[in-house]
Amino acid sequence: YFSSHTNLVTDGEEVAWPSYSDDLDYELELAFVLSKPLYNAT
Protein backbone atom coordinates (compact mmCIF):
# COMPACT_ATOMS: atom_id res chain seq x y z
CA TYR A 1 0.00 0.00 0.00
CA PHE A 2 1.06 3.63 -0.33
CA SER A 3 1.75 5.27 3.01
CA SER A 4 2.45 8.94 3.75
CA HIS A 5 5.98 9.97 2.77
CA THR A 6 5.56 13.48 4.20
CA ASN A 7 4.84 12.70 7.87
CA LEU A 8 8.20 11.29 8.91
CA VAL A 9 10.27 11.34 12.07
CA THR A 10 13.83 10.16 12.40
CA ASP A 11 16.14 9.03 15.19
CA GLY A 12 15.62 10.82 18.50
CA GLU A 13 12.39 12.59 17.55
CA GLU A 14 9.07 12.31 19.38
CA VAL A 15 6.08 10.47 17.94
CA ALA A 16 2.76 12.15 18.65
CA TRP A 17 0.04 9.67 19.58
CA PRO A 18 -2.92 10.14 17.17
CA SER A 19 -5.88 11.69 19.01
CA TYR A 20 -8.42 9.30 17.45
CA SER A 21 -6.73 6.06 18.55
CA ASP A 22 -6.31 4.12 21.79
CA ASP A 23 -4.15 1.31 20.38
CA LEU A 24 -0.84 2.55 18.96
CA ASP A 25 1.34 -0.16 17.46
CA TYR A 26 4.85 -0.25 16.01
CA GLU A 27 6.18 -2.36 13.13
CA LEU A 28 9.82 -3.38 12.72
CA GLU A 29 10.76 -3.19 9.05
CA LEU A 30 13.70 -3.06 6.68
CA ALA A 31 13.34 -0.48 3.91
CA PHE A 32 15.35 0.58 0.89
CA VAL A 33 15.52 3.61 -1.40
CA LEU A 34 15.92 3.61 -5.16
CA SER A 35 18.89 5.50 -6.60
CA LYS A 36 18.07 4.79 -10.26
CA PRO A 37 14.86 4.95 -12.31
CA LEU A 38 13.11 1.74 -13.31
CA TYR A 39 10.55 0.81 -15.93
CA ASN A 40 9.73 -2.77 -16.90
CA ALA A 41 12.91 -3.74 -15.08
CA THR A 42 14.81 -7.00 -15.42
PDB file of all heavy atoms in Angstrom:
ATOM      1  N   TYR A   1       0.858  -1.184   0.000  1.00  0.00           N
ATOM      2  CA  TYR A   1       0.000   0.000   0.000  1.00  0.00           C
ATOM      3  C   TYR A   1       0.894   1.233   0.000  1.00  0.00           C
ATOM      4  O   TYR A   1       2.076   1.161   0.358  1.00  0.00           O
ATOM      5  CB  TYR A   1      -0.947   0.006   1.211  1.00  0.00           C
ATOM      6  CG  TYR A   1      -0.289   0.366   2.515  1.00  0.00           C
ATOM      7  CD1 TYR A   1      -0.328   1.676   3.004  1.00  0.00           C
ATOM      8  CD2 TYR A   1       0.394  -0.582   3.267  1.00  0.00           C
ATOM      9  CE1 TYR A   1       0.284   2.015   4.192  1.00  0.00           C
ATOM     10  CE2 TYR A   1       1.014  -0.253   4.461  1.00  0.00           C
ATOM     11  CZ  TYR A   1       0.956   1.051   4.914  1.00  0.00           C
ATOM     12  OH  TYR A   1       1.580   1.381   6.081  1.00  0.00           O
ATOM     13  N   PHE A   2       0.339   2.373  -0.408  1.00  0.00           N
ATOM     14  CA  PHE A   2       1.064   3.635  -0.333  1.00  0.00           C
ATOM     15  C   PHE A   2       0.798   4.272   1.024  1.00  0.00           C
ATOM     16  O   PHE A   2      -0.348   4.511   1.400  1.00  0.00           O
ATOM     17  CB  PHE A   2       0.606   4.596  -1.435  1.00  0.00           C
ATOM     18  CG  PHE A   2       1.364   4.458  -2.714  1.00  0.00           C
ATOM     19  CD1 PHE A   2       0.835   3.748  -3.772  1.00  0.00           C
ATOM     20  CD2 PHE A   2       2.604   5.042  -2.867  1.00  0.00           C
ATOM     21  CE1 PHE A   2       1.525   3.615  -4.970  1.00  0.00           C
ATOM     22  CE2 PHE A   2       3.307   4.922  -4.057  1.00  0.00           C
ATOM     23  CZ  PHE A   2       2.769   4.206  -5.109  1.00  0.00           C
ATOM     24  N   SER A   3       1.864   4.564   1.751  1.00  0.00           N
ATOM     25  CA  SER A   3       1.745   5.272   3.012  1.00  0.00           C
ATOM     26  C   SER A   3       2.107   6.742   2.791  1.00  0.00           C
ATOM     27  O   SER A   3       2.384   7.158   1.661  1.00  0.00           O
ATOM     28  CB  SER A   3       2.659   4.642   4.062  1.00  0.00           C
ATOM     29  OG  SER A   3       2.384   5.167   5.337  1.00  0.00           O
ATOM     30  N   SER A   4       2.102   7.519   3.867  1.00  0.00           N
ATOM     31  CA  SER A   4       2.446   8.937   3.746  1.00  0.00           C
ATOM     32  C   SER A   4       3.960   9.099   3.815  1.00  0.00           C
ATOM     33  O   SER A   4       4.599   8.669   4.774  1.00  0.00           O
ATOM     34  CB  SER A   4       1.790   9.738   4.870  1.00  0.00           C
ATOM     35  OG  SER A   4       2.243  11.076   4.854  1.00  0.00           O
ATOM     36  N   HIS A   5       4.531   9.734   2.802  1.00  0.00           N
ATOM     37  CA  HIS A   5       5.976   9.971   2.772  1.00  0.00           C
ATOM     38  C   HIS A   5       6.328  11.360   3.301  1.00  0.00           C
ATOM     39  O   HIS A   5       7.506  11.736   3.323  1.00  0.00           O
ATOM     40  CB  HIS A   5       6.514   9.822   1.347  1.00  0.00           C
ATOM     41  CG  HIS A   5       5.970  10.841   0.397  1.00  0.00           C
ATOM     42  ND1 HIS A   5       4.690  10.795  -0.076  1.00  0.00           N
ATOM     43  CD2 HIS A   5       6.548  11.935  -0.162  1.00  0.00           C
ATOM     44  CE1 HIS A   5       4.484  11.817  -0.897  1.00  0.00           C
ATOM     45  NE2 HIS A   5       5.599  12.526  -0.957  1.00  0.00           N
ATOM     46  N   THR A   6       5.320  12.113   3.725  1.00  0.00           N
ATOM     47  CA  THR A   6       5.564  13.479   4.195  1.00  0.00           C
ATOM     48  C   THR A   6       5.594  13.574   5.716  1.00  0.00           C
ATOM     49  O   THR A   6       6.242  14.461   6.273  1.00  0.00           O
ATOM     50  CB  THR A   6       4.484  14.435   3.662  1.00  0.00           C
ATOM     51  OG1 THR A   6       3.185  13.918   3.993  1.00  0.00           O
ATOM     52  CG2 THR A   6       4.588  14.547   2.140  1.00  0.00           C
ATOM     53  N   ASN A   7       4.869  12.680   6.403  1.00  0.00           N
ATOM     54  CA  ASN A   7       4.840  12.702   7.867  1.00  0.00           C
ATOM     55  C   ASN A   7       5.861  11.711   8.415  1.00  0.00           C
ATOM     56  O   ASN A   7       5.534  10.569   8.728  1.00  0.00           O
ATOM     57  CB  ASN A   7       3.434  12.364   8.377  1.00  0.00           C
ATOM     58  CG  ASN A   7       2.423  13.423   7.983  1.00  0.00           C
ATOM     59  OD1 ASN A   7       2.731  14.605   7.985  1.00  0.00           O
ATOM     60  ND2 ASN A   7       1.228  13.001   7.639  1.00  0.00           N
ATOM     61  N   LEU A   8       7.096  12.171   8.510  1.00  0.00           N
ATOM     62  CA  LEU A   8       8.199  11.292   8.913  1.00  0.00           C
ATOM     63  C   LEU A   8       8.953  11.863  10.111  1.00  0.00           C
ATOM     64  O   LEU A   8       9.167  13.077  10.196  1.00  0.00           O
ATOM     65  CB  LEU A   8       9.181  11.095   7.758  1.00  0.00           C
ATOM     66  CG  LEU A   8       8.664  10.332   6.538  1.00  0.00           C
ATOM     67  CD1 LEU A   8       9.672  10.426   5.405  1.00  0.00           C
ATOM     68  CD2 LEU A   8       8.397   8.879   6.881  1.00  0.00           C
ATOM     69  N   VAL A   9       9.339  10.971  11.005  1.00  0.00           N
ATOM     70  CA  VAL A   9      10.268  11.335  12.073  1.00  0.00           C
ATOM     71  C   VAL A   9      11.508  10.471  11.915  1.00  0.00           C
ATOM     72  O   VAL A   9      11.465   9.405  11.299  1.00  0.00           O
ATOM     73  CB  VAL A   9       9.653  11.117  13.468  1.00  0.00           C
ATOM     74  CG1 VAL A   9       8.492  12.058  13.700  1.00  0.00           C
ATOM     75  CG2 VAL A   9       9.226   9.661  13.664  1.00  0.00           C
ATOM     76  N   THR A  10      12.606  10.937  12.464  1.00  0.00           N
ATOM     77  CA  THR A  10      13.834  10.162  12.401  1.00  0.00           C
ATOM     78  C   THR A  10      14.368   9.934  13.815  1.00  0.00           C
ATOM     79  O   THR A  10      13.675  10.189  14.810  1.00  0.00           O
ATOM     80  CB  THR A  10      14.880  10.842  11.497  1.00  0.00           C
ATOM     81  OG1 THR A  10      15.943   9.924  11.225  1.00  0.00           O
ATOM     82  CG2 THR A  10      15.427  12.109  12.121  1.00  0.00           C
ATOM     83  N   ASP A  11      15.567   9.459  13.916  1.00  0.00           N
ATOM     84  CA  ASP A  11      16.141   9.030  15.192  1.00  0.00           C
ATOM     85  C   ASP A  11      16.151  10.159  16.218  1.00  0.00           C
ATOM     86  O   ASP A  11      16.608  11.268  15.935  1.00  0.00           O
ATOM     87  CB  ASP A  11      17.570   8.524  14.953  1.00  0.00           C
ATOM     88  CG  ASP A  11      18.073   7.667  16.089  1.00  0.00           C
ATOM     89  OD1 ASP A  11      17.397   6.694  16.433  1.00  0.00           O
ATOM     90  OD2 ASP A  11      19.140   7.983  16.631  1.00  0.00           O
ATOM     91  N   GLY A  12      15.610   9.861  17.411  1.00  0.00           N
ATOM     92  CA  GLY A  12      15.617  10.822  18.500  1.00  0.00           C
ATOM     93  C   GLY A  12      14.410  11.728  18.566  1.00  0.00           C
ATOM     94  O   GLY A  12      14.251  12.471  19.545  1.00  0.00           O
ATOM     95  N   GLU A  13      13.545  11.699  17.568  1.00  0.00           N
ATOM     96  CA  GLU A  13      12.389  12.586  17.547  1.00  0.00           C
ATOM     97  C   GLU A  13      11.177  11.940  18.226  1.00  0.00           C
ATOM     98  O   GLU A  13      11.049  10.717  18.275  1.00  0.00           O
ATOM     99  CB  GLU A  13      12.043  12.975  16.112  1.00  0.00           C
ATOM    100  CG  GLU A  13      13.116  13.809  15.444  1.00  0.00           C
ATOM    101  CD  GLU A  13      12.714  14.276  14.058  1.00  0.00           C
ATOM    102  OE1 GLU A  13      12.003  13.537  13.359  1.00  0.00           O
ATOM    103  OE2 GLU A  13      13.117  15.386  13.684  1.00  0.00           O
ATOM    104  N   GLU A  14      10.281  12.794  18.726  1.00  0.00           N
ATOM    105  CA  GLU A  14       9.071  12.315  19.376  1.00  0.00           C
ATOM    106  C   GLU A  14       8.028  11.893  18.348  1.00  0.00           C
ATOM    107  O   GLU A  14       7.953  12.443  17.246  1.00  0.00           O
ATOM    108  CB  GLU A  14       8.471  13.393  20.276  1.00  0.00           C
ATOM    109  CG  GLU A  14       9.192  13.571  21.589  1.00  0.00           C
ATOM    110  CD  GLU A  14       8.441  14.497  22.530  1.00  0.00           C
ATOM    111  OE1 GLU A  14       7.543  15.229  22.056  1.00  0.00           O
ATOM    112  OE2 GLU A  14       8.750  14.494  23.741  1.00  0.00           O
ATOM    113  N   VAL A  15       7.225  10.909  18.725  1.00  0.00           N
ATOM    114  CA  VAL A  15       6.080  10.470  17.936  1.00  0.00           C
ATOM    115  C   VAL A  15       4.818  10.879  18.676  1.00  0.00           C
ATOM    116  O   VAL A  15       4.611  10.470  19.829  1.00  0.00           O
ATOM    117  CB  VAL A  15       6.101   8.939  17.718  1.00  0.00           C
ATOM    118  CG1 VAL A  15       4.785   8.460  17.116  1.00  0.00           C
ATOM    119  CG2 VAL A  15       7.268   8.552  16.836  1.00  0.00           C
ATOM    120  N   ALA A  16       4.002  11.696  18.042  1.00  0.00           N
ATOM    121  CA  ALA A  16       2.762  12.153  18.654  1.00  0.00           C
ATOM    122  C   ALA A  16       1.676  11.083  18.488  1.00  0.00           C
ATOM    123  O   ALA A  16       1.388  10.646  17.369  1.00  0.00           O
ATOM    124  CB  ALA A  16       2.312  13.467  18.024  1.00  0.00           C
ATOM    125  N   TRP A  17       1.105  10.669  19.582  1.00  0.00           N
ATOM    126  CA  TRP A  17       0.036   9.668  19.582  1.00  0.00           C
ATOM    127  C   TRP A  17      -1.180  10.263  18.879  1.00  0.00           C
ATOM    128  O   TRP A  17      -1.647  11.337  19.248  1.00  0.00           O
ATOM    129  CB  TRP A  17      -0.312   9.327  21.031  1.00  0.00           C
ATOM    130  CG  TRP A  17      -1.155   8.116  21.227  1.00  0.00           C
ATOM    131  CD1 TRP A  17      -2.424   7.920  20.766  1.00  0.00           C
ATOM    132  CD2 TRP A  17      -0.805   6.931  21.948  1.00  0.00           C
ATOM    133  NE1 TRP A  17      -2.894   6.694  21.160  1.00  0.00           N
ATOM    134  CE2 TRP A  17      -1.919   6.058  21.889  1.00  0.00           C
ATOM    135  CE3 TRP A  17       0.326   6.532  22.654  1.00  0.00           C
ATOM    136  CZ2 TRP A  17      -1.933   4.814  22.500  1.00  0.00           C
ATOM    137  CZ3 TRP A  17       0.319   5.293  23.258  1.00  0.00           C
ATOM    138  CH2 TRP A  17      -0.791   4.439  23.182  1.00  0.00           C
ATOM    139  N   PRO A  18      -1.747   9.591  17.872  1.00  0.00           N
ATOM    140  CA  PRO A  18      -2.922  10.142  17.171  1.00  0.00           C
ATOM    141  C   PRO A  18      -4.120  10.254  18.108  1.00  0.00           C
ATOM    142  O   PRO A  18      -4.428   9.320  18.859  1.00  0.00           O
ATOM    143  CB  PRO A  18      -3.175   9.131  16.049  1.00  0.00           C
ATOM    144  CG  PRO A  18      -2.506   7.872  16.492  1.00  0.00           C
ATOM    145  CD  PRO A  18      -1.332   8.286  17.320  1.00  0.00           C
ATOM    146  N   SER A  19      -4.807  11.386  18.056  1.00  0.00           N
ATOM    147  CA  SER A  19      -5.876  11.687  19.010  1.00  0.00           C
ATOM    148  C   SER A  19      -7.080  10.766  18.873  1.00  0.00           C
ATOM    149  O   SER A  19      -7.865  10.628  19.808  1.00  0.00           O
ATOM    150  CB  SER A  19      -6.338  13.137  18.816  1.00  0.00           C
ATOM    151  OG  SER A  19      -6.835  13.327  17.498  1.00  0.00           O
ATOM    152  N   TYR A  20      -7.233  10.116  17.718  1.00  0.00           N
ATOM    153  CA  TYR A  20      -8.416   9.300  17.451  1.00  0.00           C
ATOM    154  C   TYR A  20      -8.186   7.816  17.737  1.00  0.00           C
ATOM    155  O   TYR A  20      -9.018   6.982  17.408  1.00  0.00           O
ATOM    156  CB  TYR A  20      -8.841   9.473  15.992  1.00  0.00           C
ATOM    157  CG  TYR A  20      -7.695   9.374  15.001  1.00  0.00           C
ATOM    158  CD1 TYR A  20      -7.195   8.140  14.578  1.00  0.00           C
ATOM    159  CD2 TYR A  20      -7.096  10.522  14.496  1.00  0.00           C
ATOM    160  CE1 TYR A  20      -6.143   8.054  13.702  1.00  0.00           C
ATOM    161  CE2 TYR A  20      -6.032  10.449  13.612  1.00  0.00           C
ATOM    162  CZ  TYR A  20      -5.562   9.210  13.209  1.00  0.00           C
ATOM    163  OH  TYR A  20      -4.516   9.126  12.330  1.00  0.00           O
ATOM    164  N   SER A  21      -7.057   7.478  18.349  1.00  0.00           N
ATOM    165  CA  SER A  21      -6.727   6.063  18.552  1.00  0.00           C
ATOM    166  C   SER A  21      -6.353   5.785  20.004  1.00  0.00           C
ATOM    167  O   SER A  21      -5.747   6.621  20.673  1.00  0.00           O
ATOM    168  CB  SER A  21      -5.570   5.655  17.639  1.00  0.00           C
ATOM    169  OG  SER A  21      -5.145   4.333  17.925  1.00  0.00           O
ATOM    170  N   ASP A  22      -6.716   4.590  20.465  1.00  0.00           N
ATOM    171  CA  ASP A  22      -6.305   4.123  21.787  1.00  0.00           C
ATOM    172  C   ASP A  22      -5.220   3.044  21.711  1.00  0.00           C
ATOM    173  O   ASP A  22      -4.572   2.755  22.712  1.00  0.00           O
ATOM    174  CB  ASP A  22      -7.508   3.550  22.551  1.00  0.00           C
ATOM    175  CG  ASP A  22      -8.537   4.614  22.896  1.00  0.00           C
ATOM    176  OD1 ASP A  22      -8.129   5.734  23.271  1.00  0.00           O
ATOM    177  OD2 ASP A  22      -9.747   4.341  22.773  1.00  0.00           O
ATOM    178  N   ASP A  23      -5.066   2.442  20.535  1.00  0.00           N
ATOM    179  CA  ASP A  23      -4.148   1.310  20.378  1.00  0.00           C
ATOM    180  C   ASP A  23      -3.068   1.635  19.354  1.00  0.00           C
ATOM    181  O   ASP A  23      -3.234   1.423  18.153  1.00  0.00           O
ATOM    182  CB  ASP A  23      -4.912   0.057  19.932  1.00  0.00           C
ATOM    183  CG  ASP A  23      -5.886  -0.429  20.998  1.00  0.00           C
ATOM    184  OD1 ASP A  23      -5.765  -0.007  22.154  1.00  0.00           O
ATOM    185  OD2 ASP A  23      -6.780  -1.229  20.661  1.00  0.00           O
ATOM    186  N   LEU A  24      -1.950   2.179  19.847  1.00  0.00           N
ATOM    187  CA  LEU A  24      -0.843   2.547  18.961  1.00  0.00           C
ATOM    188  C   LEU A  24       0.153   1.390  18.897  1.00  0.00           C
ATOM    189  O   LEU A  24       0.645   0.918  19.916  1.00  0.00           O
ATOM    190  CB  LEU A  24      -0.156   3.809  19.469  1.00  0.00           C
ATOM    191  CG  LEU A  24       1.023   4.321  18.634  1.00  0.00           C
ATOM    192  CD1 LEU A  24       0.594   4.650  17.218  1.00  0.00           C
ATOM    193  CD2 LEU A  24       1.645   5.547  19.298  1.00  0.00           C
ATOM    194  N   ASP A  25       0.431   0.965  17.686  1.00  0.00           N
ATOM    195  CA  ASP A  25       1.336  -0.161  17.460  1.00  0.00           C
ATOM    196  C   ASP A  25       2.555   0.314  16.678  1.00  0.00           C
ATOM    197  O   ASP A  25       2.554   1.363  16.036  1.00  0.00           O
ATOM    198  CB  ASP A  25       0.605  -1.265  16.683  1.00  0.00           C
ATOM    199  CG  ASP A  25       1.254  -2.641  16.836  1.00  0.00           C
ATOM    200  OD1 ASP A  25       2.340  -2.722  17.423  1.00  0.00           O
ATOM    201  OD2 ASP A  25       0.668  -3.625  16.347  1.00  0.00           O
ATOM    202  N   TYR A  26       3.595  -0.476  16.733  1.00  0.00           N
ATOM    203  CA  TYR A  26       4.845  -0.254  16.008  1.00  0.00           C
ATOM    204  C   TYR A  26       5.045  -1.429  15.061  1.00  0.00           C
ATOM    205  O   TYR A  26       4.456  -2.503  15.248  1.00  0.00           O
ATOM    206  CB  TYR A  26       6.020  -0.181  16.994  1.00  0.00           C
ATOM    207  CG  TYR A  26       5.987  -1.303  18.007  1.00  0.00           C
ATOM    208  CD1 TYR A  26       6.578  -2.538  17.756  1.00  0.00           C
ATOM    209  CD2 TYR A  26       5.306  -1.144  19.213  1.00  0.00           C
ATOM    210  CE1 TYR A  26       6.508  -3.571  18.676  1.00  0.00           C
ATOM    211  CE2 TYR A  26       5.232  -2.163  20.144  1.00  0.00           C
ATOM    212  CZ  TYR A  26       5.829  -3.378  19.876  1.00  0.00           C
ATOM    213  OH  TYR A  26       5.751  -4.402  20.780  1.00  0.00           O
ATOM    214  N   GLU A  27       5.875  -1.256  14.046  1.00  0.00           N
ATOM    215  CA  GLU A  27       6.176  -2.355  13.131  1.00  0.00           C
ATOM    216  C   GLU A  27       7.638  -2.265  12.699  1.00  0.00           C
ATOM    217  O   GLU A  27       8.057  -1.288  12.093  1.00  0.00           O
ATOM    218  CB  GLU A  27       5.237  -2.334  11.919  1.00  0.00           C
ATOM    219  CG  GLU A  27       3.775  -2.519  12.312  1.00  0.00           C
ATOM    220  CD  GLU A  27       2.861  -2.772  11.125  1.00  0.00           C
ATOM    221  OE1 GLU A  27       3.085  -3.769  10.412  1.00  0.00           O
ATOM    222  OE2 GLU A  27       1.935  -1.973  10.919  1.00  0.00           O
ATOM    223  N   LEU A  28       8.387  -3.299  13.032  1.00  0.00           N
ATOM    224  CA  LEU A  28       9.816  -3.375  12.724  1.00  0.00           C
ATOM    225  C   LEU A  28      10.015  -3.800  11.274  1.00  0.00           C
ATOM    226  O   LEU A  28       9.643  -4.905  10.888  1.00  0.00           O
ATOM    227  CB  LEU A  28      10.469  -4.381  13.665  1.00  0.00           C
ATOM    228  CG  LEU A  28      11.898  -4.852  13.342  1.00  0.00           C
ATOM    229  CD1 LEU A  28      12.869  -3.681  13.321  1.00  0.00           C
ATOM    230  CD2 LEU A  28      12.335  -5.912  14.337  1.00  0.00           C
ATOM    231  N   GLU A  29      10.614  -2.909  10.470  1.00  0.00           N
ATOM    232  CA  GLU A  29      10.757  -3.190   9.047  1.00  0.00           C
ATOM    233  C   GLU A  29      12.120  -2.749   8.510  1.00  0.00           C
ATOM    234  O   GLU A  29      12.710  -1.778   8.982  1.00  0.00           O
ATOM    235  CB  GLU A  29       9.662  -2.484   8.236  1.00  0.00           C
ATOM    236  CG  GLU A  29       8.256  -2.854   8.644  1.00  0.00           C
ATOM    237  CD  GLU A  29       7.222  -2.380   7.645  1.00  0.00           C
ATOM    238  OE1 GLU A  29       7.568  -2.216   6.456  1.00  0.00           O
ATOM    239  OE2 GLU A  29       6.072  -2.171   8.056  1.00  0.00           O
ATOM    240  N   LEU A  30      12.565  -3.462   7.497  1.00  0.00           N
ATOM    241  CA  LEU A  30      13.704  -3.064   6.679  1.00  0.00           C
ATOM    242  C   LEU A  30      13.158  -2.357   5.445  1.00  0.00           C
ATOM    243  O   LEU A  30      12.173  -2.805   4.847  1.00  0.00           O
ATOM    244  CB  LEU A  30      14.512  -4.288   6.262  1.00  0.00           C
ATOM    245  CG  LEU A  30      15.731  -4.057   5.367  1.00  0.00           C
ATOM    246  CD1 LEU A  30      16.807  -3.259   6.090  1.00  0.00           C
ATOM    247  CD2 LEU A  30      16.293  -5.392   4.873  1.00  0.00           C
ATOM    248  N   ALA A  31      13.779  -1.240   5.088  1.00  0.00           N
ATOM    249  CA  ALA A  31      13.336  -0.484   3.914  1.00  0.00           C
ATOM    250  C   ALA A  31      14.537  -0.157   3.034  1.00  0.00           C
ATOM    251  O   ALA A  31      15.683  -0.170   3.500  1.00  0.00           O
ATOM    252  CB  ALA A  31      12.625   0.800   4.332  1.00  0.00           C
ATOM    253  N   PHE A  32      14.283   0.136   1.776  1.00  0.00           N
ATOM    254  CA  PHE A  32      15.353   0.582   0.889  1.00  0.00           C
ATOM    255  C   PHE A  32      14.868   1.742   0.032  1.00  0.00           C
ATOM    256  O   PHE A  32      13.661   1.978  -0.094  1.00  0.00           O
ATOM    257  CB  PHE A  32      15.872  -0.567   0.005  1.00  0.00           C
ATOM    258  CG  PHE A  32      14.882  -1.108  -0.993  1.00  0.00           C
ATOM    259  CD1 PHE A  32      14.728  -0.531  -2.244  1.00  0.00           C
ATOM    260  CD2 PHE A  32      14.110  -2.227  -0.683  1.00  0.00           C
ATOM    261  CE1 PHE A  32      13.838  -1.039  -3.164  1.00  0.00           C
ATOM    262  CE2 PHE A  32      13.209  -2.747  -1.592  1.00  0.00           C
ATOM    263  CZ  PHE A  32      13.072  -2.145  -2.848  1.00  0.00           C
ATOM    264  N   VAL A  33      15.828   2.475  -0.531  1.00  0.00           N
ATOM    265  CA  VAL A  33      15.517   3.606  -1.402  1.00  0.00           C
ATOM    266  C   VAL A  33      16.132   3.361  -2.774  1.00  0.00           C
ATOM    267  O   VAL A  33      17.242   2.826  -2.891  1.00  0.00           O
ATOM    268  CB  VAL A  33      16.034   4.933  -0.805  1.00  0.00           C
ATOM    269  CG1 VAL A  33      17.548   4.926  -0.627  1.00  0.00           C
ATOM    270  CG2 VAL A  33      15.599   6.121  -1.665  1.00  0.00           C
ATOM    271  N   LEU A  34      15.404   3.724  -3.801  1.00  0.00           N
ATOM    272  CA  LEU A  34      15.919   3.613  -5.163  1.00  0.00           C
ATOM    273  C   LEU A  34      16.866   4.763  -5.463  1.00  0.00           C
ATOM    274  O   LEU A  34      16.611   5.910  -5.085  1.00  0.00           O
ATOM    275  CB  LEU A  34      14.768   3.633  -6.177  1.00  0.00           C
ATOM    276  CG  LEU A  34      13.793   2.449  -6.146  1.00  0.00           C
ATOM    277  CD1 LEU A  34      12.691   2.656  -7.182  1.00  0.00           C
ATOM    278  CD2 LEU A  34      14.517   1.141  -6.406  1.00  0.00           C
ATOM    279  N   SER A  35      17.955   4.462  -6.168  1.00  0.00           N
ATOM    280  CA  SER A  35      18.893   5.500  -6.604  1.00  0.00           C
ATOM    281  C   SER A  35      18.952   5.598  -8.123  1.00  0.00           C
ATOM    282  O   SER A  35      19.695   6.416  -8.668  1.00  0.00           O
ATOM    283  CB  SER A  35      20.299   5.218  -6.051  1.00  0.00           C
ATOM    284  OG  SER A  35      20.762   3.945  -6.477  1.00  0.00           O
ATOM    285  N   LYS A  36      18.162   4.749  -8.808  1.00  0.00           N
ATOM    286  CA  LYS A  36      18.072   4.794 -10.262  1.00  0.00           C
ATOM    287  C   LYS A  36      16.614   4.621 -10.678  1.00  0.00           C
ATOM    288  O   LYS A  36      15.841   3.977  -9.965  1.00  0.00           O
ATOM    289  CB  LYS A  36      18.907   3.663 -10.899  1.00  0.00           C
ATOM    290  CG  LYS A  36      20.393   3.746 -10.639  1.00  0.00           C
ATOM    291  CD  LYS A  36      21.119   2.557 -11.271  1.00  0.00           C
ATOM    292  CE  LYS A  36      22.611   2.597 -10.974  1.00  0.00           C
ATOM    293  NZ  LYS A  36      23.317   1.427 -11.558  1.00  0.00           N
ATOM    294  N   PRO A  37      16.235   5.155 -11.838  1.00  0.00           N
ATOM    295  CA  PRO A  37      14.860   4.955 -12.312  1.00  0.00           C
ATOM    296  C   PRO A  37      14.679   3.538 -12.849  1.00  0.00           C
ATOM    297  O   PRO A  37      15.637   2.891 -13.287  1.00  0.00           O
ATOM    298  CB  PRO A  37      14.719   5.990 -13.424  1.00  0.00           C
ATOM    299  CG  PRO A  37      16.114   6.186 -13.939  1.00  0.00           C
ATOM    300  CD  PRO A  37      17.009   6.031 -12.736  1.00  0.00           C
ATOM    301  N   LEU A  38      13.442   3.060 -12.798  1.00  0.00           N
ATOM    302  CA  LEU A  38      13.113   1.736 -13.313  1.00  0.00           C
ATOM    303  C   LEU A  38      11.828   1.804 -14.127  1.00  0.00           C
ATOM    304  O   LEU A  38      10.920   2.571 -13.816  1.00  0.00           O
ATOM    305  CB  LEU A  38      12.927   0.729 -12.175  1.00  0.00           C
ATOM    306  CG  LEU A  38      14.152   0.320 -11.354  1.00  0.00           C
ATOM    307  CD1 LEU A  38      13.731  -0.585 -10.206  1.00  0.00           C
ATOM    308  CD2 LEU A  38      15.190  -0.371 -12.233  1.00  0.00           C
ATOM    309  N   TYR A  39      11.776   0.968 -15.142  1.00  0.00           N
ATOM    310  CA  TYR A  39      10.551   0.812 -15.932  1.00  0.00           C
ATOM    311  C   TYR A  39      10.636  -0.535 -16.642  1.00  0.00           C
ATOM    312  O   TYR A  39      11.573  -0.783 -17.392  1.00  0.00           O
ATOM    313  CB  TYR A  39      10.408   1.950 -16.951  1.00  0.00           C
ATOM    314  CG  TYR A  39       9.105   1.913 -17.728  1.00  0.00           C
ATOM    315  CD1 TYR A  39       7.905   2.194 -17.086  1.00  0.00           C
ATOM    316  CD2 TYR A  39       9.085   1.606 -19.084  1.00  0.00           C
ATOM    317  CE1 TYR A  39       6.707   2.178 -17.802  1.00  0.00           C
ATOM    318  CE2 TYR A  39       7.906   1.576 -19.795  1.00  0.00           C
ATOM    319  CZ  TYR A  39       6.710   1.859 -19.148  1.00  0.00           C
ATOM    320  OH  TYR A  39       5.520   1.835 -19.848  1.00  0.00           O
ATOM    321  N   ASN A  40       9.686  -1.406 -16.354  1.00  0.00           N
ATOM    322  CA  ASN A  40       9.725  -2.771 -16.903  1.00  0.00           C
ATOM    323  C   ASN A  40      11.107  -3.401 -16.661  1.00  0.00           C
ATOM    324  O   ASN A  40      11.752  -3.922 -17.572  1.00  0.00           O
ATOM    325  CB  ASN A  40       9.401  -2.765 -18.393  1.00  0.00           C
ATOM    326  CG  ASN A  40       7.945  -2.426 -18.659  1.00  0.00           C
ATOM    327  OD1 ASN A  40       7.057  -2.778 -17.880  1.00  0.00           O
ATOM    328  ND2 ASN A  40       7.690  -1.738 -19.766  1.00  0.00           N
ATOM    329  N   ALA A  41      11.551  -3.346 -15.427  1.00  0.00           N
ATOM    330  CA  ALA A  41      12.910  -3.740 -15.080  1.00  0.00           C
ATOM    331  C   ALA A  41      13.135  -5.243 -15.185  1.00  0.00           C
ATOM    332  O   ALA A  41      12.237  -6.046 -14.940  1.00  0.00           O
ATOM    333  CB  ALA A  41      13.234  -3.286 -13.661  1.00  0.00           C
ATOM    334  N   THR A  42      14.354  -5.612 -15.543  1.00  0.00           N
ATOM    335  CA  THR A  42      14.808  -6.996 -15.416  1.00  0.00           C
ATOM    336  C   THR A  42      15.246  -7.203 -13.960  1.00  0.00           C
ATOM    337  O   THR A  42      15.469  -6.226 -13.229  1.00  0.00           O
ATOM    338  CB  THR A  42      15.999  -7.272 -16.338  1.00  0.00           C
ATOM    339  OG1 THR A  42      17.119  -6.484 -15.891  1.00  0.00           O
ATOM    340  CG2 THR A  42      15.661  -6.929 -17.789  1.00  0.00           C
TER     341      THR A  42
END
